[in-house]
PDB file of N, CA and C in Angstrom:
ATOM      1  N   UNK A   1       0.814  -1.186   0.000  1.00  0.00           N
ATOM      2  CA  UNK A   1       0.000   0.000   0.000  1.00  0.00           C
ATOM      3  C   UNK A   1       0.863   1.258   0.000  1.00  0.00           C
ATOM      4  N   UNK A   2       2.061   1.165   0.469  1.00  0.00           N
ATOM      5  CA  UNK A   2       2.964   2.303   0.508  1.00  0.00           C
ATOM      6  C   UNK A   2       3.352   2.796  -0.885  1.00  0.00           C
ATOM      7  N   UNK A   3       3.694   1.941  -1.859  1.00  0.00           N
ATOM      8  CA  UNK A   3       4.032   2.451  -3.191  1.00  0.00           C
ATOM      9  C   UNK A   3       2.855   3.149  -3.868  1.00  0.00           C
ATOM     10  N   UNK A   4       1.652   2.677  -3.631  1.00  0.00           N
ATOM     11  CA  UNK A   4       0.475   3.294  -4.228  1.00  0.00           C
ATOM     12  C   UNK A   4       0.261   4.699  -3.666  1.00  0.00           C
ATOM     13  N   UNK A   5       0.420   4.880  -2.369  1.00  0.00           N
ATOM     14  CA  UNK A   5       0.280   6.196  -1.744  1.00  0.00           C
ATOM     15  C   UNK A   5       1.374   7.135  -2.250  1.00  0.00           C
ATOM     16  N   UNK A   6       2.567   6.619  -2.389  1.00  0.00           N
ATOM     17  CA  UNK A   6       3.678   7.435  -2.878  1.00  0.00           C
ATOM     18  C   UNK A   6       3.415   7.920  -4.304  1.00  0.00           C
ATOM     19  N   UNK A   7       2.926   7.056  -5.170  1.00  0.00           N
ATOM     20  CA  UNK A   7       2.667   7.466  -6.553  1.00  0.00           C
ATOM     21  C   UNK A   7       1.487   8.436  -6.636  1.00  0.00           C
ATOM     22  N   UNK A   8       0.501   8.291  -5.744  1.00  0.00           N
ATOM     23  CA  UNK A   8      -0.620   9.240  -5.721  1.00  0.00           C
ATOM     24  C   UNK A   8      -0.141  10.623  -5.287  1.00  0.00           C
ATOM     25  N   UNK A   9       0.722  10.681  -4.284  1.00  0.00           N
ATOM     26  CA  UNK A   9       1.262  11.964  -3.841  1.00  0.00           C
ATOM     27  C   UNK A   9       2.133  12.599  -4.921  1.00  0.00           C
ATOM     28  N   UNK A  10       2.898  11.783  -5.611  1.00  0.00           N
ATOM     29  CA  UNK A  10       3.739  12.288  -6.692  1.00  0.00           C
ATOM     30  C   UNK A  10       2.892  12.846  -7.835  1.00  0.00           C
ATOM     31  N   UNK A  11       1.816  12.154  -8.178  1.00  0.00           N
ATOM     32  CA  UNK A  11       0.924  12.623  -9.240  1.00  0.00           C
ATOM     33  C   UNK A  11       0.234  13.929  -8.844  1.00  0.00           C
ATOM     34  N   UNK A  12      -0.203  14.040  -7.592  1.00  0.00           N
ATOM     35  CA  UNK A  12      -0.841  15.265  -7.104  1.00  0.00           C
ATOM     36  C   UNK A  12       0.144  16.437  -7.112  1.00  0.00           C
ATOM     37  N   UNK A  13       1.391  16.182  -6.737  1.00  0.00           N
ATOM     38  CA  UNK A  13       2.399  17.242  -6.756  1.00  0.00           C
ATOM     39  C   UNK A  13       2.710  17.682  -8.183  1.00  0.00           C
ATOM     40  N   UNK A  14       2.757  16.734  -9.108  1.00  0.00           N
ATOM     41  CA  UNK A  14       3.019  17.077 -10.509  1.00  0.00           C
ATOM     42  C   UNK A  14       1.860  17.894 -11.082  1.00  0.00           C
ATOM     43  N   UNK A  15       0.630  17.520 -10.752  1.00  0.00           N
ATOM     44  CA  UNK A  15      -0.535  18.275 -11.224  1.00  0.00           C
ATOM     45  C   UNK A  15      -0.523  19.693 -10.669  1.00  0.00           C
ATOM     46  N   UNK A  16      -0.209  19.846  -9.389  1.00  0.00           N
ATOM     47  CA  UNK A  16      -0.133  21.176  -8.780  1.00  0.00           C
ATOM     48  C   UNK A  16       0.953  22.022  -9.437  1.00  0.00           C
ATOM     49  N   UNK A  17       2.087  21.397  -9.772  1.00  0.00           N
ATOM     50  CA  UNK A  17       3.173  22.130 -10.429  1.00  0.00           C
ATOM     51  C   UNK A  17       2.762  22.598 -11.819  1.00  0.00           C
ATOM     52  N   UNK A  18       2.069  21.753 -12.575  1.00  0.00           N
ATOM     53  CA  UNK A  18       1.631  22.132 -13.928  1.00  0.00           C
ATOM     54  C   UNK A  18       0.609  23.256 -13.861  1.00  0.00           C
ATOM     55  N   UNK A  19      -0.351  23.154 -12.948  1.00  0.00           N
ATOM     56  CA  UNK A  19      -1.355  24.222 -12.810  1.00  0.00           C
ATOM     57  C   UNK A  19      -0.686  25.524 -12.378  1.00  0.00           C
ATOM     58  N   UNK A  20       0.278  25.456 -11.479  1.00  0.00           N
ATOM     59  CA  UNK A  20       1.015  26.649 -11.063  1.00  0.00           C
ATOM     60  C   UNK A  20       1.774  27.290 -12.215  1.00  0.00           C
ATOM     61  N   UNK A  21       2.386  26.473 -13.057  1.00  0.00           N
ATOM     62  CA  UNK A  21       3.093  27.007 -14.225  1.00  0.00           C
ATOM     63  C   UNK A  21       2.139  27.664 -15.214  1.00  0.00           C
ATOM     64  N   UNK A  22       0.955  27.091 -15.407  1.00  0.00           N
ATOM     65  CA  UNK A  22      -0.037  27.689 -16.311  1.00  0.00           C
ATOM     66  C   UNK A  22      -0.431  29.076 -15.817  1.00  0.00           C
ATOM     67  N   UNK A  23      -0.716  29.206 -14.506  1.00  0.00           N
ATOM     68  CA  UNK A  23      -1.079  30.516 -13.958  1.00  0.00           C
ATOM     69  C   UNK A  23       0.076  31.505 -14.035  1.00  0.00           C
ATOM     70  N   UNK A  24       1.286  31.039 -13.824  1.00  0.00           N
ATOM     71  CA  UNK A  24       2.458  31.911 -13.903  1.00  0.00           C
ATOM     72  C   UNK A  24       2.653  32.436 -15.325  1.00  0.00           C
ATOM     73  N   UNK A  25       2.538  31.573 -16.321  1.00  0.00           N
ATOM     74  CA  UNK A  25       2.683  31.998 -17.717  1.00  0.00           C
ATOM     75  C   UNK A  25       1.579  32.974 -18.092  1.00  0.00           C
ATOM     76  N   UNK A  26       0.357  32.730 -17.627  1.00  0.00           N
ATOM     77  CA  UNK A  26      -0.751  33.642 -17.921  1.00  0.00           C
ATOM     78  C   UNK A  26      -0.473  35.029 -17.348  1.00  0.00           C
ATOM     79  N   UNK A  27       0.011  35.104 -16.123  1.00  0.00           N
ATOM     80  CA  UNK A  27       0.317  36.404 -15.524  1.00  0.00           C
ATOM     81  C   UNK A  27       1.438  37.117 -16.268  1.00  0.00           C
ATOM     82  N   UNK A  28       2.460  36.380 -16.673  1.00  0.00           N
ATOM     83  CA  UNK A  28       3.570  36.989 -17.399  1.00  0.00           C
ATOM     84  C   UNK A  28       3.128  37.512 -18.757  1.00  0.00           C
ATOM     85  N   UNK A  29       2.274  36.777 -19.442  1.00  0.00           N
ATOM     86  CA  UNK A  29       1.798  37.210 -20.754  1.00  0.00           C
ATOM     87  C   UNK A  29       0.941  38.459 -20.613  1.00  0.00           C
ATOM     88  N   UNK A  30       0.054  38.498 -19.610  1.00  0.00           N
ATOM     89  CA  UNK A  30      -0.780  39.683 -19.412  1.00  0.00           C
ATOM     90  C   UNK A  30       0.045  40.880 -18.976  1.00  0.00           C
ATOM     91  N   UNK A  31       1.038  40.664 -18.121  1.00  0.00           N
ATOM     92  CA  UNK A  31       1.885  41.766 -17.654  1.00  0.00           C
ATOM     93  C   UNK A  31       2.711  42.333 -18.805  1.00  0.00           C
ATOM     94  N   UNK A  32       3.088  41.482 -19.742  1.00  0.00           N
ATOM     95  CA  UNK A  32       3.858  41.931 -20.895  1.00  0.00           C
ATOM     96  C   UNK A  32       3.011  42.626 -21.948  1.00  0.00           C
ATOM     97  N   UNK A  33       1.702  42.626 -21.772  1.00  0.00           N
ATOM     98  CA  UNK A  33       0.812  43.285 -22.719  1.00  0.00           C
ATOM     99  C   UNK A  33       0.545  42.473 -23.972  1.00  0.00           C
ATOM    100  N   UNK A  34       0.888  41.209 -23.958  1.00  0.00           N
ATOM    101  CA  UNK A  34       0.675  40.379 -25.138  1.00  0.00           C
ATOM    102  C   UNK A  34      -0.765  39.877 -25.250  1.00  0.00           C
ATOM    103  N   UNK A  35      -1.485  39.841 -24.126  1.00  0.00           N
ATOM    104  CA  UNK A  35      -2.855  39.348 -24.111  1.00  0.00           C
ATOM    105  C   UNK A  35      -3.735  40.397 -23.447  1.00  0.00           C
ATOM    106  N   UNK A  36      -4.661  41.015 -24.175  1.00  0.00           N
ATOM    107  CA  UNK A  36      -5.514  42.024 -23.551  1.00  0.00           C
ATOM    108  C   UNK A  36      -6.427  41.383 -22.499  1.00  0.00           C
ATOM    109  N   UNK A  37      -6.760  42.161 -21.467  1.00  0.00           N
ATOM    110  CA  UNK A  37      -7.581  41.629 -20.371  1.00  0.00           C
ATOM    111  C   UNK A  37      -9.004  41.316 -20.811  1.00  0.00           C
ATOM    112  N   UNK A  38      -9.615  42.139 -21.620  1.00  0.00           N
ATOM    113  CA  UNK A  38     -10.996  41.925 -22.047  1.00  0.00           C
ATOM    114  C   UNK A  38     -11.039  41.616 -23.538  1.00  0.00           C
ATOM    115  N   UNK A  39     -10.263  40.639 -23.957  1.00  0.00           N
ATOM    116  CA  UNK A  39     -10.233  40.292 -25.374  1.00  0.00           C
ATOM    117  C   UNK A  39     -11.598  39.782 -25.802  1.00  0.00           C
ATOM    118  N   UNK A  40     -12.200  40.465 -26.744  1.00  0.00           N
ATOM    119  CA  UNK A  40     -13.484  40.030 -27.268  1.00  0.00           C
ATOM    120  C   UNK A  40     -14.668  40.401 -26.403  1.00  0.00           C
ATOM    121  N   UNK A  41     -14.497  41.235 -25.384  1.00  0.00           N
ATOM    122  CA  UNK A  41     -15.612  41.624 -24.527  1.00  0.00           C
ATOM    123  C   UNK A  41     -16.552  42.530 -25.316  1.00  0.00           C
ATOM    124  N   UNK A  42     -17.775  42.075 -25.478  1.00  0.00           N
ATOM    125  CA  UNK A  42     -18.757  42.842 -26.230  1.00  0.00           C
ATOM    126  C   UNK A  42     -19.682  43.620 -25.315  1.00  0.00           C
ATOM    127  N   UNK A  43     -19.773  43.228 -24.046  1.00  0.00           N
ATOM    128  CA  UNK A  43     -20.717  43.856 -23.137  1.00  0.00           C
ATOM    129  C   UNK A  43     -20.011  44.253 -21.845  1.00  0.00           C
ATOM    130  N   UNK A  44     -20.219  45.504 -21.420  1.00  0.00           N
ATOM    131  CA  UNK A  44     -19.653  45.988 -20.165  1.00  0.00           C
ATOM    132  C   UNK A  44     -20.689  46.841 -19.445  1.00  0.00           C
ATOM    133  N   UNK A  45     -20.563  46.919 -18.140  1.00  0.00           N
ATOM    134  CA  UNK A  45     -21.425  47.795 -17.347  1.00  0.00           C
ATOM    135  C   UNK A  45     -20.721  49.144 -17.264  1.00  0.00           C
ATOM    136  N   UNK A  46     -21.323  50.165 -17.865  1.00  0.00           N
ATOM    137  CA  UNK A  46     -20.695  51.484 -17.897  1.00  0.00           C
ATOM    138  C   UNK A  46     -20.883  52.223 -16.575  1.00  0.00           C
ATOM    139  N   UNK A  47     -22.123  52.207 -16.027  1.00  0.00           N
ATOM    140  CA  UNK A  47     -22.415  52.909 -14.779  1.00  0.00           C
ATOM    141  C   UNK A  47     -23.547  52.211 -14.052  1.00  0.00           C
ATOM    142  N   UNK A  48     -23.586  52.379 -12.726  1.00  0.00           N
ATOM    143  CA  UNK A  48     -24.685  51.874 -11.899  1.00  0.00           C
ATOM    144  C   UNK A  48     -25.032  52.968 -10.906  1.00  0.00           C
ATOM    145  N   UNK A  49     -26.328  53.271 -10.804  1.00  0.00           N
ATOM    146  CA  UNK A  49     -26.797  54.282  -9.864  1.00  0.00           C
ATOM    147  C   UNK A  49     -27.835  53.638  -8.953  1.00  0.00           C
ATOM    148  N   UNK A  50     -27.686  53.784  -7.632  1.00  0.00           N
ATOM    149  CA  UNK A  50     -28.669  53.277  -6.672  1.00  0.00           C
ATOM    150  C   UNK A  50     -29.786  54.303  -6.540  1.00  0.00           C
ATOM    151  N   UNK A  51     -31.008  53.892  -6.885  1.00  0.00           N
ATOM    152  CA  UNK A  51     -32.155  54.796  -6.768  1.00  0.00           C
ATOM    153  C   UNK A  51     -32.734  54.772  -5.358  1.00  0.00           C
ATOM    154  N   UNK A  52     -32.757  53.619  -4.745  1.00  0.00           N
ATOM    155  CA  UNK A  52     -33.164  53.427  -3.358  1.00  0.00           C
ATOM    156  C   UNK A  52     -32.477  52.153  -2.869  1.00  0.00           C
ATOM    157  N   UNK A  53     -32.747  51.699  -1.639  1.00  0.00           N
ATOM    158  CA  UNK A  53     -32.016  50.516  -1.156  1.00  0.00           C
ATOM    159  C   UNK A  53     -32.188  49.248  -2.005  1.00  0.00           C
ATOM    160  N   UNK A  54     -33.267  49.129  -2.754  1.00  0.00           N
ATOM    161  CA  UNK A  54     -33.494  47.916  -3.546  1.00  0.00           C
ATOM    162  C   UNK A  54     -33.230  48.105  -5.042  1.00  0.00           C
ATOM    163  N   UNK A  55     -33.599  49.235  -5.588  1.00  0.00           N
ATOM    164  CA  UNK A  55     -33.572  49.407  -7.042  1.00  0.00           C
ATOM    165  C   UNK A  55     -32.297  50.088  -7.511  1.00  0.00           C
ATOM    166  N   UNK A  56     -31.835  49.641  -8.674  1.00  0.00           N
ATOM    167  CA  UNK A  56     -30.625  50.203  -9.287  1.00  0.00           C
ATOM    168  C   UNK A  56     -30.886  50.436 -10.780  1.00  0.00           C
ATOM    169  N   UNK A  57     -30.259  51.481 -11.273  1.00  0.00           N
ATOM    170  CA  UNK A  57     -30.320  51.809 -12.691  1.00  0.00           C
ATOM    171  C   UNK A  57     -28.953  51.507 -13.286  1.00  0.00           C
ATOM    172  N   UNK A  58     -28.912  50.637 -14.298  1.00  0.00           N
ATOM    173  CA  UNK A  58     -27.663  50.198 -14.914  1.00  0.00           C
ATOM    174  C   UNK A  58     -27.584  50.743 -16.337  1.00  0.00           C
ATOM    175  N   UNK A  59     -26.423  51.256 -16.686  1.00  0.00           N
ATOM    176  CA  UNK A  59     -26.139  51.644 -18.060  1.00  0.00           C
ATOM    177  C   UNK A  59     -25.153  50.615 -18.604  1.00  0.00           C
ATOM    178  N   UNK A  60     -25.626  49.803 -19.558  1.00  0.00           N
ATOM    179  CA  UNK A  60     -24.836  48.696 -20.096  1.00  0.00           C
ATOM    180  C   UNK A  60     -24.434  49.039 -21.524  1.00  0.00           C
ATOM    181  N   UNK A  61     -23.158  48.833 -21.842  1.00  0.00           N
ATOM    182  CA  UNK A  61     -22.663  49.081 -23.191  1.00  0.00           C
ATOM    183  C   UNK A  61     -22.519  47.744 -23.903  1.00  0.00           C
ATOM    184  N   UNK A  62     -23.137  47.624 -25.070  1.00  0.00           N
ATOM    185  CA  UNK A  62     -23.095  46.391 -25.835  1.00  0.00           C
ATOM    186  C   UNK A  62     -22.897  46.741 -27.308  1.00  0.00           C
ATOM    187  N   UNK A  63     -21.792  46.285 -27.877  1.00  0.00           N
ATOM    188  CA  UNK A  63     -21.466  46.544 -29.286  1.00  0.00           C
ATOM    189  C   UNK A  63     -21.524  48.025 -29.636  1.00  0.00           C
ATOM    190  N   UNK A  64     -21.041  48.874 -28.735  1.00  0.00           N
ATOM    191  CA  UNK A  64     -20.968  50.302 -29.018  1.00  0.00           C
ATOM    192  C   UNK A  64     -22.253  51.062 -28.749  1.00  0.00           C
ATOM    193  N   UNK A  65     -23.309  50.386 -28.341  1.00  0.00           N
ATOM    194  CA  UNK A  65     -24.581  51.036 -28.024  1.00  0.00           C
ATOM    195  C   UNK A  65     -24.824  50.927 -26.526  1.00  0.00           C
ATOM    196  N   UNK A  66     -25.699  51.789 -25.987  1.00  0.00           N
ATOM    197  CA  UNK A  66     -25.979  51.800 -24.558  1.00  0.00           C
ATOM    198  C   UNK A  66     -27.429  51.402 -24.293  1.00  0.00           C
ATOM    199  N   UNK A  67     -27.623  50.546 -23.272  1.00  0.00           N
ATOM    200  CA  UNK A  67     -28.936  50.065 -22.865  1.00  0.00           C
ATOM    201  C   UNK A  67     -29.152  50.454 -21.412  1.00  0.00           C
ATOM    202  N   UNK A  68     -30.362  50.932 -21.091  1.00  0.00           N
ATOM    203  CA  UNK A  68     -30.704  51.333 -19.740  1.00  0.00           C
ATOM    204  C   UNK A  68     -31.566  50.241 -19.107  1.00  0.00           C
ATOM    205  N   UNK A  69     -31.122  49.705 -17.945  1.00  0.00           N
ATOM    206  CA  UNK A  69     -31.830  48.636 -17.243  1.00  0.00           C
ATOM    207  C   UNK A  69     -32.186  49.086 -15.839  1.00  0.00           C
ATOM    208  N   UNK A  70     -33.408  48.744 -15.384  1.00  0.00           N
ATOM    209  CA  UNK A  70     -33.844  49.009 -14.018  1.00  0.00           C
ATOM    210  C   UNK A  70     -34.001  47.660 -13.325  1.00  0.00           C
ATOM    211  N   UNK A  71     -33.246  47.432 -12.240  1.00  0.00           N
ATOM    212  CA  UNK A  71     -33.279  46.151 -11.538  1.00  0.00           C
ATOM    213  C   UNK A  71     -33.635  46.358 -10.075  1.00  0.00           C
ATOM    214  N   UNK A  72     -34.137  45.273  -9.452  1.00  0.00           N
ATOM    215  CA  UNK A  72     -34.381  45.288  -8.018  1.00  0.00           C
ATOM    216  C   UNK A  72     -35.812  45.510  -7.610  1.00  0.00           C
ATOM    217  N   UNK A  73     -36.689  45.860  -8.496  1.00  0.00           N
ATOM    218  CA  UNK A  73     -38.098  46.042  -8.156  1.00  0.00           C
ATOM    219  C   UNK A  73     -38.836  44.721  -8.248  1.00  0.00           C
ATOM    220  N   UNK A  74     -40.171  44.778  -8.388  1.00  0.00           N
ATOM    221  CA  UNK A  74     -40.927  43.535  -8.527  1.00  0.00           C
ATOM    222  C   UNK A  74     -40.505  42.736  -9.761  1.00  0.00           C
ATOM    223  N   UNK A  75     -40.036  43.433 -10.777  1.00  0.00           N
ATOM    224  CA  UNK A  75     -39.469  42.777 -11.955  1.00  0.00           C
ATOM    225  C   UNK A  75     -38.430  43.696 -12.570  1.00  0.00           C
ATOM    226  N   UNK A  76     -37.450  43.105 -13.231  1.00  0.00           N
ATOM    227  CA  UNK A  76     -36.408  43.892 -13.885  1.00  0.00           C
ATOM    228  C   UNK A  76     -36.949  44.404 -15.209  1.00  0.00           C
ATOM    229  N   UNK A  77     -36.579  45.629 -15.563  1.00  0.00           N
ATOM    230  CA  UNK A  77     -37.090  46.255 -16.776  1.00  0.00           C
ATOM    231  C   UNK A  77     -35.952  46.725 -17.663  1.00  0.00           C
ATOM    232  N   UNK A  78     -36.161  46.558 -18.961  1.00  0.00           N
ATOM    233  CA  UNK A  78     -35.276  47.166 -19.944  1.00  0.00           C
ATOM    234  C   UNK A  78     -35.954  48.453 -20.387  1.00  0.00           C
ATOM    235  N   UNK A  79     -35.355  49.577 -20.045  1.00  0.00           N
ATOM    236  CA  UNK A  79     -35.965  50.869 -20.365  1.00  0.00           C
ATOM    237  C   UNK A  79     -35.687  51.298 -21.796  1.00  0.00           C
ATOM    238  N   UNK A  80     -34.788  50.611 -22.474  1.00  0.00           N
ATOM    239  CA  UNK A  80     -34.563  50.877 -23.883  1.00  0.00           C
ATOM    240  C   UNK A  80     -33.133  51.266 -24.203  1.00  0.00           C
ATOM    241  N   UNK A  81     -32.880  51.270 -25.504  1.00  0.00           N
ATOM    242  CA  UNK A  81     -31.575  51.667 -26.024  1.00  0.00           C
ATOM    243  C   UNK A  81     -31.519  53.174 -26.104  1.00  0.00           C
ATOM    244  N   UNK A  82     -30.400  53.748 -25.729  1.00  0.00           N
ATOM    245  CA  UNK A  82     -30.202  55.189 -25.804  1.00  0.00           C
ATOM    246  C   UNK A  82     -29.757  55.561 -27.204  1.00  0.00           C
ATOM    247  N   UNK A  83     -30.194  56.726 -27.644  1.00  0.00           N
ATOM    248  CA  UNK A  83     -29.787  57.217 -28.961  1.00  0.00           C
ATOM    249  C   UNK A  83     -28.297  57.534 -28.940  1.00  0.00           C
ATOM    250  N   UNK A  84     -27.646  57.241 -30.041  1.00  0.00           N
ATOM    251  CA  UNK A  84     -26.206  57.521 -30.116  1.00  0.00           C
ATOM    252  C   UNK A  84     -25.985  59.013 -30.193  1.00  0.00           C
ATOM    253  N   UNK A  85     -24.981  59.480 -29.446  1.00  0.00           N
ATOM    254  CA  UNK A  85     -24.641  60.892 -29.459  1.00  0.00           C
ATOM    255  C   UNK A  85     -23.703  61.167 -30.618  1.00  0.00           C
ATOM    256  N   UNK A  86     -23.891  62.338 -31.210  1.00  0.00           N
ATOM    257  CA  UNK A  86     -22.983  62.734 -32.296  1.00  0.00           C
ATOM    258  C   UNK A  86     -21.669  63.180 -31.697  1.00  0.00           C
ATOM    259  N   UNK A  87     -20.592  62.735 -32.301  1.00  0.00           N
ATOM    260  CA  UNK A  87     -19.261  63.112 -31.812  1.00  0.00           C
ATOM    261  C   UNK A  87     -18.787  64.352 -32.543  1.00  0.00           C
ATOM    262  N   UNK A  88     -18.130  65.215 -31.768  1.00  0.00           N
ATOM    263  CA  UNK A  88     -17.565  66.435 -32.381  1.00  0.00           C
ATOM    264  C   UNK A  88     -16.331  66.054 -33.188  1.00  0.00           C
ATOM    265  N   UNK A  89     -16.119  66.678 -34.351  1.00  0.00           N
ATOM    266  CA  UNK A  89     -14.935  66.348 -35.180  1.00  0.00           C
ATOM    267  C   UNK A  89     -13.646  66.778 -34.555  1.00  0.00           C
TER     268      UNK A  89
END
Protein backbone atom coordinates (compact mmCIF):
# COMPACT_ATOMS: atom_id res chain seq x y z
CA UNK A 1 0.00 0.00 0.00
CA UNK A 2 2.96 2.30 0.51
CA UNK A 3 4.03 2.45 -3.19
CA UNK A 4 0.48 3.29 -4.23
CA UNK A 5 0.28 6.20 -1.74
CA UNK A 6 3.68 7.44 -2.88
CA UNK A 7 2.67 7.47 -6.55
CA UNK A 8 -0.62 9.24 -5.72
CA UNK A 9 1.26 11.96 -3.84
CA UNK A 10 3.74 12.29 -6.69
CA UNK A 11 0.92 12.62 -9.24
CA UNK A 12 -0.84 15.27 -7.10
CA UNK A 13 2.40 17.24 -6.76
CA UNK A 14 3.02 17.08 -10.51
CA UNK A 15 -0.54 18.27 -11.22
CA UNK A 16 -0.13 21.18 -8.78
CA UNK A 17 3.17 22.13 -10.43
CA UNK A 18 1.63 22.13 -13.93
CA UNK A 19 -1.35 24.22 -12.81
CA UNK A 20 1.02 26.65 -11.06
CA UNK A 21 3.09 27.01 -14.22
CA UNK A 22 -0.04 27.69 -16.31
CA UNK A 23 -1.08 30.52 -13.96
CA UNK A 24 2.46 31.91 -13.90
CA UNK A 25 2.68 32.00 -17.72
CA UNK A 26 -0.75 33.64 -17.92
CA UNK A 27 0.32 36.40 -15.52
CA UNK A 28 3.57 36.99 -17.40
CA UNK A 29 1.80 37.21 -20.75
CA UNK A 30 -0.78 39.68 -19.41
CA UNK A 31 1.89 41.77 -17.65
CA UNK A 32 3.86 41.93 -20.89
CA UNK A 33 0.81 43.29 -22.72
CA UNK A 34 0.68 40.38 -25.14
CA UNK A 35 -2.85 39.35 -24.11
CA UNK A 36 -5.51 42.02 -23.55
CA UNK A 37 -7.58 41.63 -20.37
CA UNK A 38 -11.00 41.92 -22.05
CA UNK A 39 -10.23 40.29 -25.37
CA UNK A 40 -13.48 40.03 -27.27
CA UNK A 41 -15.61 41.62 -24.53
CA UNK A 42 -18.76 42.84 -26.23
CA UNK A 43 -20.72 43.86 -23.14
CA UNK A 44 -19.65 45.99 -20.17
CA UNK A 45 -21.42 47.79 -17.35
CA UNK A 46 -20.69 51.48 -17.90
CA UNK A 47 -22.41 52.91 -14.78
CA UNK A 48 -24.69 51.87 -11.90
CA UNK A 49 -26.80 54.28 -9.86
CA UNK A 50 -28.67 53.28 -6.67
CA UNK A 51 -32.15 54.80 -6.77
CA UNK A 52 -33.16 53.43 -3.36
CA UNK A 53 -32.02 50.52 -1.16
CA UNK A 54 -33.49 47.92 -3.55
CA UNK A 55 -33.57 49.41 -7.04
CA UNK A 56 -30.62 50.20 -9.29
CA UNK A 57 -30.32 51.81 -12.69
CA UNK A 58 -27.66 50.20 -14.91
CA UNK A 59 -26.14 51.64 -18.06
CA UNK A 60 -24.84 48.70 -20.10
CA UNK A 61 -22.66 49.08 -23.19
CA UNK A 62 -23.10 46.39 -25.84
CA UNK A 63 -21.47 46.54 -29.29
CA UNK A 64 -20.97 50.30 -29.02
CA UNK A 65 -24.58 51.04 -28.02
CA UNK A 66 -25.98 51.80 -24.56
CA UNK A 67 -28.94 50.06 -22.87
CA UNK A 68 -30.70 51.33 -19.74
CA UNK A 69 -31.83 48.64 -17.24
CA UNK A 70 -33.84 49.01 -14.02
CA UNK A 71 -33.28 46.15 -11.54
CA UNK A 72 -34.38 45.29 -8.02
CA UNK A 73 -38.10 46.04 -8.16
CA UNK A 74 -40.93 43.53 -8.53
CA UNK A 75 -39.47 42.78 -11.96
CA UNK A 76 -36.41 43.89 -13.88
CA UNK A 77 -37.09 46.26 -16.78
CA UNK A 78 -35.28 47.17 -19.94
CA UNK A 79 -35.97 50.87 -20.36
CA UNK A 80 -34.56 50.88 -23.88
CA UNK A 81 -31.57 51.67 -26.02
CA UNK A 82 -30.20 55.19 -25.80
CA UNK A 83 -29.79 57.22 -28.96
CA UNK A 84 -26.21 57.52 -30.12
CA UNK A 85 -24.64 60.89 -29.46
CA UNK A 86 -22.98 62.73 -32.30
CA UNK A 87 -19.26 63.11 -31.81
CA UNK A 88 -17.57 66.44 -32.38
CA UNK A 89 -14.93 66.35 -35.18
